[in-house]
Amino acid sequence: MGTNITVKGIPDEVYRRLKAAATANHRSINSEIISRIEEGLMPRKASARKLLERVRRLHESFDGRTFELSDLDAARREGRP
């Protein structure tokens, strides 16, 4: 089965987000926590198909806009003090 642990002092906002994620993923809070820990500690390589799907979704979110290197450089400079 596995080892049991207790986590104390979870901030309210973290708990709310965790609960929402568990609901969205049709999991218990415990299962969501285990999934998140596994993702963080044992990352898996994404398949080429999954990567392509992510790239397509990201591209679609641009709504036809394009970005030039100069746009990225300007945004990077704006973000620096």
C-alpha atoms as a PDB file:
ATOM      1  CA  MET A   1       0.000   0.000   0.000  1.00  0.00           C
ATOM      2  CA  GLY A   2       2.412   2.667   1.151  1.00  0.00           C
ATOM      3  CA  THR A   3       3.387   4.797   4.083  1.00  0.00           C
ATOM      4  CA  ASN A   4       0.985   7.151   5.824  1.00  0.00           C
ATOM      5  CA  ILE A   5       2.010  10.707   6.629  1.00  0.00           C
ATOM      6  CA  THR A   6       0.279  13.688   8.162  1.00  0.00           C
ATOM      7  CA  VAL A   7       0.781  17.189   6.798  1.00  0.00           C
ATOM      8  CA  LYS A   8       0.086  20.007   9.224  1.00  0.00           C
ATOM      9  CA  GLY A   9      -0.355  23.709   8.685  1.00  0.00           C
ATOM     10  CA  ILE A  10      -1.518  23.722   5.052  1.00  0.00           C
ATOM     11  CA  PRO A  11      -2.424  27.346   4.231  1.00  0.00           C
ATOM     12  CA  ASP A  12      -6.140  27.857   3.558  1.00  0.00           C
ATOM     13  CA  GLU A  13      -5.567  29.077  -0.011  1.00  0.00           C
ATOM     14  CA  VAL A  14      -3.382  26.070  -0.828  1.00  0.00           C
ATOM     15  CA  TYR A  15      -6.064  23.756   0.543  1.00  0.00           C
ATOM     16  CA  ARG A  16      -8.801  25.495  -1.480  1.00  0.00           C
ATOM     17  CA  ARG A  17      -6.780  25.139  -4.674  1.00  0.00           C
ATOM     18  CA  LEU A  18      -5.933  21.542  -3.894  1.00  0.00           C
ATOM     19  CA  LYS A  19      -9.587  20.738  -3.272  1.00  0.00           C
ATOM     20  CA  ALA A  20     -10.616  22.441  -6.524  1.00  0.00           C
ATOM     21  CA  ALA A  21      -7.934  20.538  -8.450  1.00  0.00           C
ATOM     22  CA  ALA A  22      -9.049  17.253  -6.905  1.00  0.00           C
ATOM     23  CA  THR A  23     -12.640  17.952  -7.907  1.00  0.00           C
ATOM     24  CA  ALA A  24     -11.636  18.947 -11.439  1.00  0.00           C
ATOM     25  CA  ASN A  25      -9.552  15.776 -11.793  1.00  0.00           C
ATOM     26  CA  HIS A  26     -12.262  13.546 -10.250  1.00  0.00           C
ATOM     27  CA  ARG A  27      -9.943  12.529  -7.411  1.00  0.00           C
ATOM     28  CA  SER A  28      -9.996  12.542  -3.656  1.00  0.00           C
ATOM     29  CA  ILE A  29      -7.815  15.168  -2.018  1.00  0.00           C
ATOM     30  CA  ASN A  30      -5.455  12.383  -0.925  1.00  0.00           C
ATOM     31  CA  SER A  31      -5.154  11.065  -4.497  1.00  0.00           C
ATOM     32  CA  GLU A  32      -4.556  14.585  -5.791  1.00  0.00           C
ATOM     33  CA  ILE A  33      -1.751  15.100  -3.263  1.00  0.00           C
ATOM     34  CA  ILE A  34      -0.100  11.814  -4.226  1.00  0.00           C
ATOM     35  CA  SER A  35      -0.401  12.668  -7.920  1.00  0.00           C
ATOM     36  CA  ARG A  36       1.155  16.104  -7.369  1.00  0.00           C
ATOM     37  CA  ILE A  37       4.023  14.647  -5.347  1.00  0.00           C
ATOM     38  CA  GLU A  38       4.669  12.002  -8.010  1.00  0.00           C
ATOM     39  CA  GLU A  39       4.670  14.648 -10.754  1.00  0.00           C
ATOM     40  CA  GLY A  40       7.160  16.750  -8.837  1.00  0.00           C
ATOM     41  CA  LEU A  41       9.497  13.996  -7.730  1.00  0.00           C
ATOM     42  CA  MET A  42       9.206  11.518 -10.567  1.00  0.00           C
ATOM     43  CA  PRO A  43       8.587  13.492 -13.738  1.00  0.00           C
ATOM     44  CA  ARG A  44       7.846  11.444 -16.814  1.00  0.00           C
ATOM     45  CA  LYS A  45       8.857  12.358 -20.301  1.00  0.00           C
ATOM     46  CA  ALA A  46       5.859  13.519 -22.282  1.00  0.00           C
ATOM     47  CA  SER A  47       5.124  11.644 -25.478  1.00  0.00           C
ATOM     48  CA  ALA A  48       5.586  13.459 -28.761  1.00  0.00           C
ATOM     49  CA  ARG A  49       1.800  13.399 -29.212  1.00  0.00           C
ATOM     50  CA  LYS A  50       1.200  15.102 -25.849  1.00  0.00           C
ATOM     51  CA  LEU A  51       3.846  17.725 -26.557  1.00  0.00           C
ATOM     52  CA  LEU A  52       2.328  18.445 -29.958  1.00  0.00           C
ATOM     53  CA  GLU A  53      -1.127  18.805 -28.381  1.00  0.00           C
ATOM     54  CA  ARG A  54       0.266  21.304 -25.859  1.00  0.00           C
ATOM     55  CA  VAL A  55       2.024  23.283 -28.599  1.00  0.00           C
ATOM     56  CA  ARG A  56      -1.173  23.410 -30.668  1.00  0.00           C
ATOM     57  CA  ARG A  57      -3.244  24.621 -27.705  1.00  0.00           C
ATOM     58  CA  LEU A  58      -0.669  27.285 -26.933  1.00  0.00           C
ATOM     59  CA  HIS A  59      -0.540  28.372 -30.578  1.00  0.00           C
ATOM     60  CA  GLU A  60      -4.337  28.604 -30.728  1.00  0.00           C
ATOM     61  CA  SER A  61      -4.305  30.814 -27.635  1.00  0.00           C
ATOM     62  CA  PHE A  62      -2.337  33.434 -29.598  1.00  0.00           C
ATOM     63  CA  ASP A  63      -5.463  34.147 -31.721  1.00  0.00           C
ATOM     64  CA  GLY A  64      -3.372  34.645 -34.852  1.00  0.00           C
ATOM     65  CA  ARG A  65      -0.924  37.035 -33.196  1.00  0.00           C
ATOM     66  CA  THR A  66       2.775  36.528 -33.737  1.00  0.00           C
ATOM     67  CA  PHE A  67       5.746  37.584 -31.679  1.00  0.00           C
ATOM     68  CA  GLU A  68       9.152  38.695 -32.842  1.00  0.00           C
ATOM     69  CA  LEU A  69      12.371  38.310 -30.910  1.00  0.00           C
ATOM     70  CA  SER A  70      12.391  42.065 -30.328  1.00  0.00           C
ATOM     71  CA  ASP A  71       8.945  41.762 -28.651  1.00  0.00           C
ATOM     72  CA  LEU A  72      10.287  39.132 -26.276  1.00  0.00           C
ATOM     73  CA  ASP A  73      13.413  41.155 -25.536  1.00  0.00           C
ATOM     74  CA  ALA A  74      11.319  44.253 -24.767  1.00  0.00           C
ATOM     75  CA  ALA A  75       9.029  42.261 -22.459  1.00  0.00           C
ATOM     76  CA  ARG A  76      12.027  40.796 -20.679  1.00  0.00           C
ATOM     77  CA  ARG A  77      13.543  44.261 -20.169  1.00  0.00           C
ATOM     78  CA  GLU A  78      10.230  45.622 -18.825  1.00  0.00           C
ATOM     79  CA  GLY A  79      10.139  42.876 -16.228  1.00  0.00           C
ATOM     80  CA  ARG A  80      13.543  43.801 -14.842  1.00  0.00           C
ATOM     81  CA  PRO A  81      14.093  46.552 -12.272  1.00  0.00           C
END
